[in-house]
Amino acid sequence: MPINIPSGLPARAILDSERIFALEKPEAEAQNVRPLRLVILNLMPKKIETETQLLRLISKSPLQVDVDFMKTSTHEATHTSHDHLVKFYETLDVLEDNCYDGLVVTGAPVEHLPFEEVDYWDEFKTILDWASSHVFSTMYLCWGAMGALNYRYGIRKHVLDQKVFGIFPQFLQDEYCFITNGFDEMALQPHSRLASMDEDDIAKNPDLQVLTWGPQSGPGLLATKDFSEVFALGHWEYGKYTLKEEYERDMQRGMSNVPFPHNYFPHDDPTLEPLFAWRAHANLLWRNWLNWVYQTTPYDVSEIPQLRAEKRLGTDRSIRHSPESPRTDGYRPFMTL
C-alpha cells in the first residue's frame, strides 16, 4: 500500500524514481480505508534528506500510512529553506490536539552536548510528554533515542573518546521478539555517534529490553516490554552513501582525527563503491514496527489517550501482543565476535 504525503513534497520525485508508490492527499482521500497516522519529529539539519530516508522505509509496509511532519519552535533550522518548513512542517501547538498511531523522533548532531545545553531540550521533553498520551507507539533514532532514554528512564549518556562510525554487527537477543521477527542472528547496523548510553543502567531497568547488541557498538535496538517505545541507537534508516558523504564532508573541512568508516568500503578502499549491507534488516524492522502498531492501535485514534491512560494504570485492554522479556535482571549477548 502507498504512503500518503503532503502535496508537493520534494521527496515525491525521488520516491517515484525508485518505484515507490506514494499518494498525495487528494488521491489518498479517494480511497475508503483508514490509514495509519504517523508524525515525524525531524531534528536533523538536512530535513529533506531525512524525510526521504524515512519515507523509503515506511513505504515498505503493505499498510497505507498518512504522514505529518513536526518541527521544534525553539530552534531555527539553517540547512533547510524557510519555505519548505512553512509548507510542510508544523509545531506541537498546531498538532497537539491530534492523536497518532505512531511518532518517529529522528537523531540530531548534538550527542556531544549535555542534554540541558541543547537549545530545544525543554521542548523535546514537552513533546515526549504529549506523545505519552496522544501517540500509541514511538520510534526514536540515535540522539532522539538517547534523549528519550535519559528523560524517560534516567539512562546516563557517556561522551566517547572516539566516534562510533561505520557498519557494525548487531546480534539478535530474542529470536521470538515481535519487533525483530525474521531477523538473522547477526544484522549489520550503521552508526555515526559521539556518545553511548550506560549499559549497566539499561540492564538494571525492568521496563527495557535489549533486542540487538554488538561487541563494538553496544546495544543497537531496545524497546519497552510493551513496544510503546522503540529505541534505535544506530541508523538503519541511512542510505547507501550517507556515511560516505559524512566522511568526505569531515575530511574536506580539515577536521582532525576524522575516523575512517568501519566495515563500509570494500577492502577499506574509499575509491570503491560501498556495499548497502543493512537494507533488508532496516526494511524488516520498520515493517515489523508498523505491523505491530496496526495490530494493536484502536481503529478510532481518538481512543488513544484513554488507552494510554489504561496502560499506565495496568488495565490496558488493547494490546494483543505483549511478550515477556527473556531477561528481567540484565542481559547477555546472544553471541559475540
C-alpha atoms as a PDB file:
ATOM      1  CA  MET A   1       0.000   0.000   0.000  1.00  0.00           C
ATOM      2  CA  PRO A   2       1.155   3.579  -0.532  1.00  0.00           C
ATOM      3  CA  ILE A   3       2.292   6.273   1.818  1.00  0.00           C
ATOM      4  CA  ASN A   4       0.250   9.477   1.875  1.00  0.00           C
ATOM      5  CA  ILE A   5       2.417  12.576   1.793  1.00  0.00           C
ATOM      6  CA  PRO A   6       1.755  16.317   1.569  1.00  0.00           C
ATOM      7  CA  SER A   7       1.244  17.601  -1.966  1.00  0.00           C
ATOM      8  CA  GLY A   8       4.459  18.944  -3.465  1.00  0.00           C
ATOM      9  CA  LEU A   9       6.868  17.283  -1.000  1.00  0.00           C
ATOM     10  CA  PRO A  10      10.293  17.153  -2.742  1.00  0.00           C
ATOM     11  CA  ALA A  11      10.790  13.516  -1.703  1.00  0.00           C
ATOM     12  CA  ARG A  12       7.934  12.555  -4.076  1.00  0.00           C
ATOM     13  CA  ALA A  13      10.127  12.784  -7.191  1.00  0.00           C
ATOM     14  CA  ILE A  14      12.849  10.613  -5.619  1.00  0.00           C
ATOM     15  CA  LEU A  15      10.314   8.048  -4.408  1.00  0.00           C
ATOM     16  CA  ASP A  16       8.731   7.913  -7.858  1.00  0.00           C
ATOM     17  CA  SER A  17      12.131   7.303  -9.476  1.00  0.00           C
ATOM     18  CA  GLU A  18      12.656   4.379  -7.084  1.00  0.00           C
ATOM     19  CA  ARG A  19       9.216   2.933  -7.983  1.00  0.00           C
ATOM     20  CA  ILE A  20       7.875   3.604  -4.501  1.00  0.00           C
ATOM     21  CA  PHE A  21       4.112   4.080  -4.506  1.00  0.00           C
ATOM     22  CA  ALA A  22       3.264   7.410  -2.865  1.00  0.00           C
ATOM     23  CA  LEU A  23      -0.058   9.227  -2.891  1.00  0.00           C
ATOM     24  CA  GLU A  24      -0.652  12.906  -2.313  1.00  0.00           C
ATOM     25  CA  LYS A  25      -3.635  13.963  -0.220  1.00  0.00           C
ATOM     26  CA  PRO A  26      -6.332  14.309  -2.942  1.00  0.00           C
ATOM     27  CA  GLU A  27      -5.546  10.825  -4.290  1.00  0.00           C
ATOM     28  CA  ALA A  28      -5.439   9.250  -0.822  1.00  0.00           C
ATOM     29  CA  GLU A  29      -8.780  10.713   0.215  1.00  0.00           C
ATOM     30  CA  ALA A  30     -10.445   8.913  -2.687  1.00  0.00           C
ATOM     31  CA  GLN A  31      -9.601   5.548  -1.082  1.00  0.00           C
ATOM     32  CA  ASN A  32     -12.037   4.216   1.515  1.00  0.00           C
ATOM     33  CA  VAL A  33      -9.513   2.987   4.090  1.00  0.00           C
ATOM     34  CA  ARG A  34      -8.320   4.171   7.489  1.00  0.00           C
ATOM     35  CA  PRO A  35      -4.550   4.692   7.071  1.00  0.00           C
ATOM     36  CA  LEU A  36      -2.131   4.595   9.957  1.00  0.00           C
ATOM     37  CA  ARG A  37      -1.362   8.101  11.134  1.00  0.00           C
ATOM     38  CA  LEU A  38       2.302   8.903  11.741  1.00  0.00           C
ATOM     39  CA  VAL A  39       4.006  12.138  12.718  1.00  0.00           C
ATOM     40  CA  ILE A  40       7.756  12.619  12.239  1.00  0.00           C
ATOM     41  CA  LEU A  41       9.654  14.976  14.549  1.00  0.00           C
ATOM     42  CA  ASN A  42      12.576  15.771  12.264  1.00  0.00           C
ATOM     43  CA  LEU A  43      15.548  17.151  14.215  1.00  0.00           C
ATOM     44  CA  MET A  44      18.173  16.554  11.532  1.00  0.00           C
ATOM     45  CA  PRO A  45      19.729  19.565   9.768  1.00  0.00           C
ATOM     46  CA  LYS A  46      19.193  18.185   6.248  1.00  0.00           C
ATOM     47  CA  LYS A  47      15.489  17.644   6.616  1.00  0.00           C
ATOM     48  CA  ILE A  48      14.670  16.736   3.012  1.00  0.00           C
ATOM     49  CA  GLU A  49      17.326  14.001   3.011  1.00  0.00           C
ATOM     50  CA  THR A  50      15.993  12.583   6.282  1.00  0.00           C
ATOM     51  CA  GLU A  51      12.389  12.778   5.047  1.00  0.00           C
ATOM     52  CA  THR A  52      13.329  10.718   2.014  1.00  0.00           C
ATOM     53  CA  GLN A  53      15.230   8.101   4.037  1.00  0.00           C
ATOM     54  CA  LEU A  54      12.327   7.589   6.434  1.00  0.00           C
ATOM     55  CA  LEU A  55       9.627   7.575   3.761  1.00  0.00           C
ATOM     56  CA  ARG A  56      11.540   4.867   1.884  1.00  0.00           C
ATOM     57  CA  LEU A  57      11.312   2.611   4.929  1.00  0.00           C
ATOM     58  CA  ILE A  58       7.711   3.484   5.796  1.00  0.00           C
ATOM     59  CA  SER A  59       6.690   2.727   2.217  1.00  0.00           C
ATOM     60  CA  LYS A  60       7.850  -0.896   2.500  1.00  0.00           C
ATOM     61  CA  SER A  61       4.894  -1.744   4.722  1.00  0.00           C
ATOM     62  CA  PRO A  62       1.779  -3.146   2.987  1.00  0.00           C
ATOM     63  CA  LEU A  63      -0.256  -0.664   5.048  1.00  0.00           C
ATOM     64  CA  GLN A  64      -1.391   2.751   3.905  1.00  0.00           C
ATOM     65  CA  VAL A  65       0.281   5.402   6.059  1.00  0.00           C
ATOM     66  CA  ASP A  66      -0.599   9.076   6.459  1.00  0.00           C
ATOM     67  CA  VAL A  67       2.420  11.223   7.410  1.00  0.00           C
ATOM     68  CA  ASP A  68       2.679  14.624   9.106  1.00  0.00           C
ATOM     69  CA  PHE A  69       5.931  16.445   9.875  1.00  0.00           C
ATOM     70  CA  MET A  70       6.750  18.240  13.120  1.00  0.00           C
ATOM     71  CA  LYS A  71       9.482  20.775  13.880  1.00  0.00           C
ATOM     72  CA  THR A  72      10.639  22.465  17.063  1.00  0.00           C
ATOM     73  CA  SER A  73       9.724  26.077  17.702  1.00  0.00           C
ATOM     74  CA  THR A  74      12.764  26.791  19.918  1.00  0.00           C
ATOM     75  CA  HIS A  75      15.402  26.009  17.273  1.00  0.00           C
ATOM     76  CA  GLU A  76      15.672  27.668  13.883  1.00  0.00           C
ATOM     77  CA  ALA A  77      16.832  25.295  11.138  1.00  0.00           C
ATOM     78  CA  THR A  78      19.612  26.693   8.952  1.00  0.00           C
ATOM     79  CA  HIS A  79      20.146  23.836   6.457  1.00  0.00           C
ATOM     80  CA  THR A  80      16.587  23.724   5.090  1.00  0.00           C
ATOM     81  CA  SER A  81      14.732  26.517   3.356  1.00  0.00           C
ATOM     82  CA  HIS A  82      12.208  28.507   5.358  1.00  0.00           C
ATOM     83  CA  ASP A  83       9.625  27.973   2.601  1.00  0.00           C
ATOM     84  CA  HIS A  84       9.955  24.175   2.916  1.00  0.00           C
ATOM     85  CA  LEU A  85       9.465  24.288   6.671  1.00  0.00           C
ATOM     86  CA  VAL A  86       6.475  26.610   6.422  1.00  0.00           C
ATOM     87  CA  LYS A  87       4.827  24.484   3.745  1.00  0.00           C
ATOM     88  CA  PHE A  88       5.332  21.010   5.188  1.00  0.00           C
ATOM     89  CA  TYR A  89       6.053  21.308   8.943  1.00  0.00           C
ATOM     90  CA  GLU A  90       4.010  22.250  11.980  1.00  0.00           C
ATOM     91  CA  THR A  91       4.943  22.807  15.615  1.00  0.00           C
ATOM     92  CA  LEU A  92       3.402  20.996  18.571  1.00  0.00           C
ATOM     93  CA  ASP A  93       0.973  23.817  19.329  1.00  0.00           C
ATOM     94  CA  VAL A  94      -0.702  23.153  15.955  1.00  0.00           C
ATOM     95  CA  LEU A  95      -0.685  19.340  16.218  1.00  0.00           C
ATOM     96  CA  GLU A  96      -1.288  18.856  19.947  1.00  0.00           C
ATOM     97  CA  ASP A  97      -4.995  18.020  19.585  1.00  0.00           C
ATOM     98  CA  ASN A  98      -4.217  15.248  17.070  1.00  0.00           C
ATOM     99  CA  CYS A  99      -3.806  11.596  18.003  1.00  0.00           C
ATOM    100  CA  TYR A 100      -1.380   9.360  16.106  1.00  0.00           C
ATOM    101  CA  ASP A 101      -0.747   5.663  15.755  1.00  0.00           C
ATOM    102  CA  GLY A 102       2.992   6.343  15.692  1.00  0.00           C
ATOM    103  CA  LEU A 103       5.621   9.014  16.241  1.00  0.00           C
ATOM    104  CA  VAL A 104       9.139   8.958  14.772  1.00  0.00           C
ATOM    105  CA  VAL A 105      11.788  11.073  16.500  1.00  0.00           C
ATOM    106  CA  THR A 106      14.979  11.453  14.477  1.00  0.00           C
ATOM    107  CA  GLY A 107      18.530  11.906  15.637  1.00  0.00           C
ATOM    108  CA  ALA A 108      20.358  15.220  15.788  1.00  0.00           C
ATOM    109  CA  PRO A 109      24.090  16.104  15.652  1.00  0.00           C
ATOM    110  CA  VAL A 110      24.153  17.210  19.302  1.00  0.00           C
ATOM    111  CA  GLU A 111      25.065  13.998  21.116  1.00  0.00           C
ATOM    112  CA  HIS A 112      28.350  15.555  22.337  1.00  0.00           C
ATOM    113  CA  LEU A 113      26.431  18.205  24.296  1.00  0.00           C
ATOM    114  CA  PRO A 114      24.894  17.696  27.734  1.00  0.00           C
ATOM    115  CA  PHE A 115      21.149  17.329  27.260  1.00  0.00           C
ATOM    116  CA  GLU A 116      20.475  20.537  29.158  1.00  0.00           C
ATOM    117  CA  GLU A 117      22.659  22.514  26.722  1.00  0.00           C
ATOM    118  CA  VAL A 118      20.602  21.539  23.678  1.00  0.00           C
ATOM    119  CA  ASP A 119      18.515  24.611  22.940  1.00  0.00           C
ATOM    120  CA  TYR A 120      15.292  22.637  22.363  1.00  0.00           C
ATOM    121  CA  TRP A 121      15.714  20.177  25.264  1.00  0.00           C
ATOM    122  CA  ASP A 122      12.763  21.533  27.243  1.00  0.00           C
ATOM    123  CA  GLU A 123      10.566  21.466  24.152  1.00  0.00           C
ATOM    124  CA  PHE A 124      11.785  17.935  23.371  1.00  0.00           C
ATOM    125  CA  LYS A 125      10.611  16.809  26.812  1.00  0.00           C
ATOM    126  CA  THR A 126       7.272  18.542  26.317  1.00  0.00           C
ATOM    127  CA  ILE A 127       6.772  16.691  23.024  1.00  0.00           C
ATOM    128  CA  LEU A 128       7.559  13.365  24.727  1.00  0.00           C
ATOM    129  CA  ASP A 129       5.061  14.166  27.465  1.00  0.00           C
ATOM    130  CA  TRP A 130       2.438  14.933  24.814  1.00  0.00           C
ATOM    131  CA  ALA A 131       3.276  11.681  22.992  1.00  0.00           C
ATOM    132  CA  SER A 132       2.740   9.654  26.153  1.00  0.00           C
ATOM    133  CA  SER A 133      -0.982  10.393  25.895  1.00  0.00           C
ATOM    134  CA  HIS A 134      -1.550  11.136  22.190  1.00  0.00           C
ATOM    135  CA  VAL A 135       0.672   8.564  20.420  1.00  0.00           C
ATOM    136  CA  PHE A 136       0.349   4.788  20.604  1.00  0.00           C
ATOM    137  CA  SER A 137       3.979   3.878  19.839  1.00  0.00           C
ATOM    138  CA  THR A 138       7.140   5.917  19.250  1.00  0.00           C
ATOM    139  CA  MET A 139      10.286   5.024  17.299  1.00  0.00           C
ATOM    140  CA  TYR A 140      13.335   7.017  18.464  1.00  0.00           C
ATOM    141  CA  LEU A 141      16.535   7.220  16.395  1.00  0.00           C
ATOM    142  CA  CYS A 142      20.107   7.893  17.612  1.00  0.00           C
ATOM    143  CA  TRP A 143      20.136  11.148  19.634  1.00  0.00           C
ATOM    144  CA  GLY A 144      16.343  11.024  19.802  1.00  0.00           C
ATOM    145  CA  ALA A 145      16.712   7.588  21.426  1.00  0.00           C
ATOM    146  CA  MET A 146      19.432   8.859  23.784  1.00  0.00           C
ATOM    147  CA  GLY A 147      17.334  11.818  24.868  1.00  0.00           C
ATOM    148  CA  ALA A 148      14.246   9.702  25.440  1.00  0.00           C
ATOM    149  CA  LEU A 149      16.165   7.023  27.369  1.00  0.00           C
ATOM    150  CA  ASN A 150      17.601   9.708  29.616  1.00  0.00           C
ATOM    151  CA  TYR A 151      14.388  11.640  30.174  1.00  0.00           C
ATOM    152  CA  ARG A 152      12.060   8.653  30.451  1.00  0.00           C
ATOM    153  CA  TYR A 153      14.269   6.150  32.272  1.00  0.00           C
ATOM    154  CA  GLY A 154      17.260   8.038  33.681  1.00  0.00           C
ATOM    155  CA  ILE A 155      19.784   6.217  31.470  1.00  0.00           C
ATOM    156  CA  ARG A 156      23.067   8.103  31.551  1.00  0.00           C
ATOM    157  CA  LYS A 157      24.863   9.208  28.387  1.00  0.00           C
ATOM    158  CA  HIS A 158      28.651   8.981  28.007  1.00  0.00           C
ATOM    159  CA  VAL A 159      30.603  11.076  25.505  1.00  0.00           C
ATOM    160  CA  LEU A 160      33.113   8.837  23.706  1.00  0.00           C
ATOM    161  CA  ASP A 161      36.799   9.473  23.056  1.00  0.00           C
ATOM    162  CA  GLN A 162      36.376   8.120  19.522  1.00  0.00           C
ATOM    163  CA  LYS A 163      33.321   8.441  17.292  1.00  0.00           C
ATOM    164  CA  VAL A 164      31.466   5.188  16.590  1.00  0.00           C
ATOM    165  CA  PHE A 165      31.413   5.419  12.813  1.00  0.00           C
ATOM    166  CA  GLY A 166      30.740   2.738  10.235  1.00  0.00           C
ATOM    167  CA  ILE A 167      28.855  -0.542   9.898  1.00  0.00           C
ATOM    168  CA  PHE A 168      28.850  -2.781  12.975  1.00  0.00           C
ATOM    169  CA  PRO A 169      27.470  -6.266  13.691  1.00  0.00           C
ATOM    170  CA  GLN A 170      24.460  -6.483  15.974  1.00  0.00           C
ATOM    171  CA  PHE A 171      23.485  -9.847  17.419  1.00  0.00           C
ATOM    172  CA  LEU A 172      19.885 -10.833  17.990  1.00  0.00           C
ATOM    173  CA  GLN A 173      18.964 -11.183  21.672  1.00  0.00           C
ATOM    174  CA  ASP A 174      15.486 -12.745  21.372  1.00  0.00           C
ATOM    175  CA  GLU A 175      14.508 -14.580  18.202  1.00  0.00           C
ATOM    176  CA  TYR A 176      10.807 -14.511  19.120  1.00  0.00           C
ATOM    177  CA  CYS A 177      10.503 -10.771  19.655  1.00  0.00           C
ATOM    178  CA  PHE A 178       7.753  -9.218  17.524  1.00  0.00           C
ATOM    179  CA  ILE A 179       9.829  -6.172  16.539  1.00  0.00           C
ATOM    180  CA  THR A 180      12.806  -8.246  15.308  1.00  0.00           C
ATOM    181  CA  ASN A 181      10.763 -11.147  13.959  1.00  0.00           C
ATOM    182  CA  GLY A 182      12.556 -12.554  10.914  1.00  0.00           C
ATOM    183  CA  PHE A 183      15.955 -11.019  11.765  1.00  0.00           C
ATOM    184  CA  ASP A 184      19.047 -13.084  11.124  1.00  0.00           C
ATOM    185  CA  GLU A 185      21.075 -13.877  14.235  1.00  0.00           C
ATOM    186  CA  MET A 186      23.513 -11.192  13.090  1.00  0.00           C
ATOM    187  CA  ALA A 187      22.494  -7.931  11.441  1.00  0.00           C
ATOM    188  CA  LEU A 188      24.645  -5.017  10.299  1.00  0.00           C
ATOM    189  CA  GLN A 189      23.747  -1.554  11.565  1.00  0.00           C
ATOM    190  CA  PRO A 190      25.206   1.847  10.591  1.00  0.00           C
ATOM    191  CA  HIS A 191      26.419   4.036  13.459  1.00  0.00           C
ATOM    192  CA  SER A 192      27.584   7.636  13.498  1.00  0.00           C
ATOM    193  CA  ARG A 193      27.679   8.998  17.030  1.00  0.00           C
ATOM    194  CA  LEU A 194      29.936  10.537  19.630  1.00  0.00           C
ATOM    195  CA  ALA A 195      28.129   9.138  22.660  1.00  0.00           C
ATOM    196  CA  SER A 196      26.759   5.935  24.126  1.00  0.00           C
ATOM    197  CA  MET A 197      24.195   5.030  26.764  1.00  0.00           C
ATOM    198  CA  ASP A 198      25.205   3.384  30.029  1.00  0.00           C
ATOM    199  CA  GLU A 199      24.729  -0.376  29.639  1.00  0.00           C
ATOM    200  CA  ASP A 200      24.548  -1.013  33.380  1.00  0.00           C
ATOM    201  CA  ASP A 201      21.694   1.483  33.683  1.00  0.00           C
ATOM    202  CA  ILE A 202      19.880  -0.250  30.823  1.00  0.00           C
ATOM    203  CA  ALA A 203      20.366  -3.733  32.284  1.00  0.00           C
ATOM    204  CA  LYS A 204      19.026  -2.663  35.681  1.00  0.00           C
ATOM    205  CA  ASN A 205      15.873  -1.087  34.278  1.00  0.00           C
ATOM    206  CA  PRO A 206      12.967  -3.579  34.359  1.00  0.00           C
ATOM    207  CA  ASP A 207      10.970  -1.615  31.786  1.00  0.00           C
ATOM    208  CA  LEU A 208      13.545  -2.023  28.991  1.00  0.00           C
ATOM    209  CA  GLN A 209      14.647  -4.968  26.885  1.00  0.00           C
ATOM    210  CA  VAL A 210      17.708  -5.099  24.641  1.00  0.00           C
ATOM    211  CA  LEU A 211      16.781  -6.529  21.240  1.00  0.00           C
ATOM    212  CA  THR A 212      20.150  -6.353  19.461  1.00  0.00           C
ATOM    213  CA  TRP A 213      23.678  -5.927  20.826  1.00  0.00           C
ATOM    214  CA  GLY A 214      27.168  -5.647  19.330  1.00  0.00           C
ATOM    215  CA  PRO A 215      30.609  -6.096  20.918  1.00  0.00           C
ATOM    216  CA  GLN A 216      31.901  -2.869  19.349  1.00  0.00           C
ATOM    217  CA  SER A 217      28.775  -0.729  19.247  1.00  0.00           C
ATOM    218  CA  GLY A 218      26.881  -1.977  22.295  1.00  0.00           C
ATOM    219  CA  PRO A 219      23.060  -2.040  22.294  1.00  0.00           C
ATOM    220  CA  GLY A 220      21.708  -1.126  18.878  1.00  0.00           C
ATOM    221  CA  LEU A 221      17.995  -1.673  19.368  1.00  0.00           C
ATOM    222  CA  LEU A 222      15.984  -1.507  22.595  1.00  0.00           C
ATOM    223  CA  ALA A 223      12.302  -1.352  23.426  1.00  0.00           C
ATOM    224  CA  THR A 224       9.907  -1.159  26.302  1.00  0.00           C
ATOM    225  CA  LYS A 225       8.330  -4.511  27.048  1.00  0.00           C
ATOM    226  CA  ASP A 226       5.020  -3.405  25.537  1.00  0.00           C
ATOM    227  CA  PHE A 227       6.732  -1.845  22.478  1.00  0.00           C
ATOM    228  CA  SER A 228       5.127   1.528  23.128  1.00  0.00           C
ATOM    229  CA  GLU A 229       8.657   2.905  22.726  1.00  0.00           C
ATOM    230  CA  VAL A 230      11.388   1.566  20.429  1.00  0.00           C
ATOM    231  CA  PHE A 231      14.939   2.950  20.555  1.00  0.00           C
ATOM    232  CA  ALA A 232      17.398   2.546  17.659  1.00  0.00           C
ATOM    233  CA  LEU A 233      20.817   3.837  18.703  1.00  0.00           C
ATOM    234  CA  GLY A 234      22.181   3.328  15.201  1.00  0.00           C
ATOM    235  CA  HIS A 235      20.958   4.481  11.814  1.00  0.00           C
ATOM    236  CA  TRP A 236      19.187   1.710   9.941  1.00  0.00           C
ATOM    237  CA  GLU A 237      17.440   4.484   8.033  1.00  0.00           C
ATOM    238  CA  TYR A 238      20.703   5.630   6.423  1.00  0.00           C
ATOM    239  CA  GLY A 239      21.023   5.394   2.668  1.00  0.00           C
ATOM    240  CA  LYS A 240      23.868   3.670   0.859  1.00  0.00           C
ATOM    241  CA  TYR A 241      26.027   6.789   0.561  1.00  0.00           C
ATOM    242  CA  THR A 242      25.203   8.617   3.797  1.00  0.00           C
ATOM    243  CA  LEU A 243      28.359   7.534   5.663  1.00  0.00           C
ATOM    244  CA  LYS A 244      30.486   8.245   2.578  1.00  0.00           C
ATOM    245  CA  GLU A 245      29.096  11.775   2.395  1.00  0.00           C
ATOM    246  CA  GLU A 246      29.684  12.325   6.133  1.00  0.00           C
ATOM    247  CA  TYR A 247      33.269  11.088   5.850  1.00  0.00           C
ATOM    248  CA  GLU A 248      34.054  13.218   2.786  1.00  0.00           C
ATOM    249  CA  ARG A 249      32.401  16.271   4.377  1.00  0.00           C
ATOM    250  CA  ASP A 250      34.537  15.995   7.524  1.00  0.00           C
ATOM    251  CA  MET A 251      37.710  15.413   5.501  1.00  0.00           C
ATOM    252  CA  GLN A 252      37.007  18.469   3.333  1.00  0.00           C
ATOM    253  CA  ARG A 253      36.512  20.555   6.457  1.00  0.00           C
ATOM    254  CA  GLY A 254      40.012  19.621   7.571  1.00  0.00           C
ATOM    255  CA  MET A 255      38.754  18.206  10.842  1.00  0.00           C
ATOM    256  CA  SER A 256      41.352  16.450  12.951  1.00  0.00           C
ATOM    257  CA  ASN A 257      41.028  12.771  13.884  1.00  0.00           C
ATOM    258  CA  VAL A 258      38.297  12.030  11.351  1.00  0.00           C
ATOM    259  CA  PRO A 259      37.535   8.313  11.866  1.00  0.00           C
ATOM    260  CA  PHE A 260      37.525   6.057   8.830  1.00  0.00           C
ATOM    261  CA  PRO A 261      34.131   4.340   8.434  1.00  0.00           C
ATOM    262  CA  HIS A 262      34.468   0.818   9.835  1.00  0.00           C
ATOM    263  CA  ASN A 263      33.475  -2.122   7.614  1.00  0.00           C
ATOM    264  CA  TYR A 264      31.909   0.157   4.984  1.00  0.00           C
ATOM    265  CA  PHE A 265      34.113   0.426   1.917  1.00  0.00           C
ATOM    266  CA  PRO A 266      35.240  -2.896   0.380  1.00  0.00           C
ATOM    267  CA  HIS A 267      38.847  -3.574   1.462  1.00  0.00           C
ATOM    268  CA  ASP A 268      38.713  -0.224   3.310  1.00  0.00           C
ATOM    269  CA  ASP A 269      39.282   1.491  -0.033  1.00  0.00           C
ATOM    270  CA  PRO A 270      37.234   4.735  -0.228  1.00  0.00           C
ATOM    271  CA  THR A 271      37.524   4.738  -4.016  1.00  0.00           C
ATOM    272  CA  LEU A 272      35.365   1.594  -4.165  1.00  0.00           C
ATOM    273  CA  GLU A 273      31.588   1.528  -4.077  1.00  0.00           C
ATOM    274  CA  PRO A 274      30.261   0.945  -0.524  1.00  0.00           C
ATOM    275  CA  LEU A 275      28.035  -2.064  -0.001  1.00  0.00           C
ATOM    276  CA  PHE A 276      24.433  -1.481   1.069  1.00  0.00           C
ATOM    277  CA  ALA A 277      24.567  -4.367   3.558  1.00  0.00           C
ATOM    278  CA  TRP A 278      21.884  -3.281   6.081  1.00  0.00           C
ATOM    279  CA  ARG A 279      18.909  -2.533   3.829  1.00  0.00           C
ATOM    280  CA  ALA A 280      16.995  -5.805   4.373  1.00  0.00           C
ATOM    281  CA  HIS A 281      17.081  -5.566   8.178  1.00  0.00           C
ATOM    282  CA  ALA A 282      16.165  -1.877   8.047  1.00  0.00           C
ATOM    283  CA  ASN A 283      13.092  -2.651   5.944  1.00  0.00           C
ATOM    284  CA  LEU A 284      12.158  -5.576   8.191  1.00  0.00           C
ATOM    285  CA  LEU A 285      12.439  -3.525  11.391  1.00  0.00           C
ATOM    286  CA  TRP A 286      10.143  -0.791  10.115  1.00  0.00           C
ATOM    287  CA  ARG A 287       7.697  -3.261   8.604  1.00  0.00           C
ATOM    288  CA  ASN A 288       7.519  -5.134  11.913  1.00  0.00           C
ATOM    289  CA  TRP A 289       7.025  -1.942  13.914  1.00  0.00           C
ATOM    290  CA  LEU A 290       4.286  -0.636  11.633  1.00  0.00           C
ATOM    291  CA  ASN A 291       2.618  -4.060  11.680  1.00  0.00           C
ATOM    292  CA  TRP A 292       2.695  -4.120  15.486  1.00  0.00           C
ATOM    293  CA  VAL A 293       1.161  -0.639  15.567  1.00  0.00           C
ATOM    294  CA  TYR A 294      -1.516  -1.727  13.089  1.00  0.00           C
ATOM    295  CA  GLN A 295      -2.338  -4.870  15.095  1.00  0.00           C
ATOM    296  CA  THR A 296      -2.654  -3.082  18.426  1.00  0.00           C
ATOM    297  CA  THR A 297      -3.769   0.503  17.896  1.00  0.00           C
ATOM    298  CA  PRO A 298      -7.514   1.287  18.021  1.00  0.00           C
ATOM    299  CA  TYR A 299      -9.412   1.954  14.799  1.00  0.00           C
ATOM    300  CA  ASP A 300     -10.589   5.264  16.242  1.00  0.00           C
ATOM    301  CA  VAL A 301      -7.416   7.199  17.082  1.00  0.00           C
ATOM    302  CA  SER A 302      -9.385   9.447  19.420  1.00  0.00           C
ATOM    303  CA  GLU A 303      -9.399   6.471  21.840  1.00  0.00           C
ATOM    304  CA  ILE A 304      -5.597   6.576  22.175  1.00  0.00           C
ATOM    305  CA  PRO A 305      -5.447   8.952  25.193  1.00  0.00           C
ATOM    306  CA  GLN A 306      -7.810   6.681  27.145  1.00  0.00           C
ATOM    307  CA  LEU A 307      -5.901   3.542  26.169  1.00  0.00           C
ATOM    308  CA  ARG A 308      -2.547   5.087  27.100  1.00  0.00           C
ATOM    309  CA  ALA A 309      -4.010   6.040  30.475  1.00  0.00           C
ATOM    310  CA  GLU A 310      -5.222   2.456  30.951  1.00  0.00           C
ATOM    311  CA  LYS A 311      -1.735   1.167  30.161  1.00  0.00           C
ATOM    312  CA  ARG A 312      -0.251   3.381  32.854  1.00  0.00           C
ATOM    313  CA  LEU A 313      -2.813   2.028  35.313  1.00  0.00           C
ATOM    314  CA  GLY A 314      -2.189  -1.573  34.255  1.00  0.00           C
ATOM    315  CA  THR A 315      -5.702  -2.104  32.896  1.00  0.00           C
ATOM    316  CA  ASP A 316      -4.907  -1.936  29.197  1.00  0.00           C
ATOM    317  CA  ARG A 317      -7.496  -3.735  27.045  1.00  0.00           C
ATOM    318  CA  SER A 318      -5.945  -3.060  23.634  1.00  0.00           C
ATOM    319  CA  ILE A 319      -2.607  -4.866  23.490  1.00  0.00           C
ATOM    320  CA  ARG A 320      -2.788  -8.296  21.895  1.00  0.00           C
ATOM    321  CA  HIS A 321       0.987  -8.723  21.637  1.00  0.00           C
ATOM    322  CA  SER A 322       2.775  -8.186  24.955  1.00  0.00           C
ATOM    323  CA  PRO A 323       5.632 -10.721  25.008  1.00  0.00           C
ATOM    324  CA  GLU A 324       7.595 -11.011  28.203  1.00  0.00           C
ATOM    325  CA  SER A 325      11.236 -10.028  28.045  1.00  0.00           C
ATOM    326  CA  PRO A 326      13.551 -13.057  28.313  1.00  0.00           C
ATOM    327  CA  ARG A 327      15.652 -11.064  30.771  1.00  0.00           C
ATOM    328  CA  THR A 328      14.473  -9.328  33.909  1.00  0.00           C
ATOM    329  CA  ASP A 329      17.822  -8.842  35.622  1.00  0.00           C
ATOM    330  CA  GLY A 330      20.084  -7.696  32.814  1.00  0.00           C
ATOM    331  CA  TYR A 331      21.076  -9.431  29.600  1.00  0.00           C
ATOM    332  CA  ARG A 332      23.912 -11.279  27.983  1.00  0.00           C
ATOM    333  CA  PRO A 333      24.802 -11.168  24.310  1.00  0.00           C
ATOM    334  CA  PHE A 334      23.412 -13.999  22.230  1.00  0.00           C
ATOM    335  CA  MET A 335      26.844 -14.354  20.665  1.00  0.00           C
ATOM    336  CA  THR A 336      29.942 -12.243  20.226  1.00  0.00           C
ATOM    337  CA  LEU A 337      32.765 -11.940  17.778  1.00  0.00           C
END
